[in-house]
Amino acid sequence: MITIGFYGRLAERFGRQVDVDLPDGVALSELQSYFDGLDADKVCTLVNDETVTGDGWIYPGDRVDFLPPLSGG
């Protein structure tokens, strides 16, 4: 099982936290496709508190966090 955290407007859409049962592992891009409307190019993705760019593998016990784009002034 992996834990997925959503923040900001993503939490409003998907909930703050979701647990997903994975048999052995899954590509990050495949995991992102489970969530309709989650644009991988427009979110910051962290796996086990490390920023991930591109694709990678997610394994049981990992934590994935999706953060919406931030803007500031």
C-alpha atoms as a PDB file:
ATOM      1  CA  MET A   1       0.000   0.000   0.000  1.00  0.00           C
ATOM      2  CA  ILE A   2       1.157   3.537  -0.724  1.00  0.00           C
ATOM      3  CA  THR A   3      -0.113   6.776   0.753  1.00  0.00           C
ATOM      4  CA  ILE A   4      -0.892   9.682  -1.548  1.00  0.00           C
ATOM      5  CA  GLY A   5      -1.245  13.197  -0.186  1.00  0.00           C
ATOM      6  CA  PHE A   6      -2.917  16.051  -2.038  1.00  0.00           C
ATOM      7  CA  TYR A   7      -2.514  19.717  -1.170  1.00  0.00           C
ATOM      8  CA  GLY A   8      -4.270  22.986  -1.969  1.00  0.00           C
ATOM      9  CA  ARG A   9      -6.923  22.804  -4.654  1.00  0.00           C
ATOM     10  CA  LEU A  10      -5.945  19.193  -5.368  1.00  0.00           C
ATOM     11  CA  ALA A  11      -7.076  18.240  -1.844  1.00  0.00           C
ATOM     12  CA  GLU A  12     -10.436  19.842  -2.563  1.00  0.00           C
ATOM     13  CA  ARG A  13     -10.819  17.635  -5.622  1.00  0.00           C
ATOM     14  CA  PHE A  14      -9.298  14.320  -4.524  1.00  0.00           C
ATOM     15  CA  GLY A  15      -9.271  14.496  -0.716  1.00  0.00           C
ATOM     16  CA  ARG A  16      -6.327  15.134   1.567  1.00  0.00           C
ATOM     17  CA  GLN A  17      -5.024  11.574   1.631  1.00  0.00           C
ATOM     18  CA  VAL A  18      -5.697   8.354  -0.254  1.00  0.00           C
ATOM     19  CA  ASP A  19      -4.250   4.911   0.370  1.00  0.00           C
ATOM     20  CA  VAL A  20      -3.738   2.765  -2.731  1.00  0.00           C
ATOM     21  CA  ASP A  21      -2.911  -0.927  -2.695  1.00  0.00           C
ATOM     22  CA  LEU A  22      -0.162  -1.831  -5.178  1.00  0.00           C
ATOM     23  CA  PRO A  23       0.916  -5.404  -5.842  1.00  0.00           C
ATOM     24  CA  ASP A  24       4.621  -4.832  -6.600  1.00  0.00           C
ATOM     25  CA  GLY A  25       5.096  -1.366  -7.995  1.00  0.00           C
ATOM     26  CA  VAL A  26       3.821   1.021 -10.609  1.00  0.00           C
ATOM     27  CA  ALA A  27       5.259   3.742 -12.805  1.00  0.00           C
ATOM     28  CA  LEU A  28       4.584   7.232 -11.468  1.00  0.00           C
ATOM     29  CA  SER A  29       2.908   8.189 -14.757  1.00  0.00           C
ATOM     30  CA  GLU A  30       0.508   5.247 -14.388  1.00  0.00           C
ATOM     31  CA  LEU A  31      -0.318   6.241 -10.820  1.00  0.00           C
ATOM     32  CA  GLN A  32      -1.013   9.819 -11.942  1.00  0.00           C
ATOM     33  CA  SER A  33      -3.402   8.542 -14.618  1.00  0.00           C
ATOM     34  CA  TYR A  34      -5.623   7.007 -11.898  1.00  0.00           C
ATOM     35  CA  PHE A  35      -6.673  10.528 -10.902  1.00  0.00           C
ATOM     36  CA  ASP A  36      -8.769  12.094 -13.649  1.00  0.00           C
ATOM     37  CA  GLY A  37      -7.766  15.714 -14.166  1.00  0.00           C
ATOM     38  CA  LEU A  38      -4.391  15.486 -12.436  1.00  0.00           C
ATOM     39  CA  ASP A  39      -2.068  17.176 -14.926  1.00  0.00           C
ATOM     40  CA  ALA A  40       1.377  15.751 -14.216  1.00  0.00           C
ATOM     41  CA  ASP A  41       3.044  18.643 -16.048  1.00  0.00           C
ATOM     42  CA  LYS A  42       1.430  21.192 -13.748  1.00  0.00           C
ATOM     43  CA  VAL A  43       1.971  19.654 -10.317  1.00  0.00           C
ATOM     44  CA  CYS A  44       5.006  19.211  -8.124  1.00  0.00           C
ATOM     45  CA  THR A  45       5.452  15.543  -7.234  1.00  0.00           C
ATOM     46  CA  LEU A  46       7.323  14.273  -4.199  1.00  0.00           C
ATOM     47  CA  VAL A  47       8.131  10.646  -3.485  1.00  0.00           C
ATOM     48  CA  ASN A  48       9.251   9.974   0.072  1.00  0.00           C
ATOM     49  CA  ASP A  49       9.833  13.737   0.532  1.00  0.00           C
ATOM     50  CA  GLU A  50      12.077  13.986  -2.545  1.00  0.00           C
ATOM     51  CA  THR A  51      11.065  16.030  -5.590  1.00  0.00           C
ATOM     52  CA  VAL A  52      10.632  13.852  -8.658  1.00  0.00           C
ATOM     53  CA  THR A  53      10.953  15.051 -12.220  1.00  0.00           C
ATOM     54  CA  GLY A  54      10.053  12.773 -15.082  1.00  0.00           C
ATOM     55  CA  ASP A  55       8.904   9.243 -14.430  1.00  0.00           C
ATOM     56  CA  GLY A  56       9.958   6.733 -11.822  1.00  0.00           C
ATOM     57  CA  TRP A  57       8.686   3.716  -9.953  1.00  0.00           C
ATOM     58  CA  ILE A  58       6.504   3.712  -6.863  1.00  0.00           C
ATOM     59  CA  TYR A  59       6.608   0.735  -4.506  1.00  0.00           C
ATOM     60  CA  PRO A  60       4.492  -0.410  -1.570  1.00  0.00           C
ATOM     61  CA  GLY A  61       5.370   1.616   1.510  1.00  0.00           C
ATOM     62  CA  ASP A  62       6.194   4.775  -0.462  1.00  0.00           C
ATOM     63  CA  ARG A  63       4.496   8.112   0.142  1.00  0.00           C
ATOM     64  CA  VAL A  64       3.620  10.290  -2.845  1.00  0.00           C
ATOM     65  CA  ASP A  65       2.552  13.921  -2.516  1.00  0.00           C
ATOM     66  CA  PHE A  66       1.058  16.094  -5.245  1.00  0.00           C
ATOM     67  CA  LEU A  67       1.233  19.865  -4.848  1.00  0.00           C
ATOM     68  CA  PRO A  68      -0.482  22.340  -7.167  1.00  0.00           C
ATOM     69  CA  PRO A  69       1.551  25.011  -8.923  1.00  0.00           C
ATOM     70  CA  LEU A  70       2.391  27.899  -6.650  1.00  0.00           C
ATOM     71  CA  SER A  71       2.311  31.551  -7.519  1.00  0.00           C
ATOM     72  CA  GLY A  72       3.538  34.474  -5.552  1.00  0.00           C
ATOM     73  CA  GLY A  73       4.173  38.109  -5.726  1.00  0.00           C
END
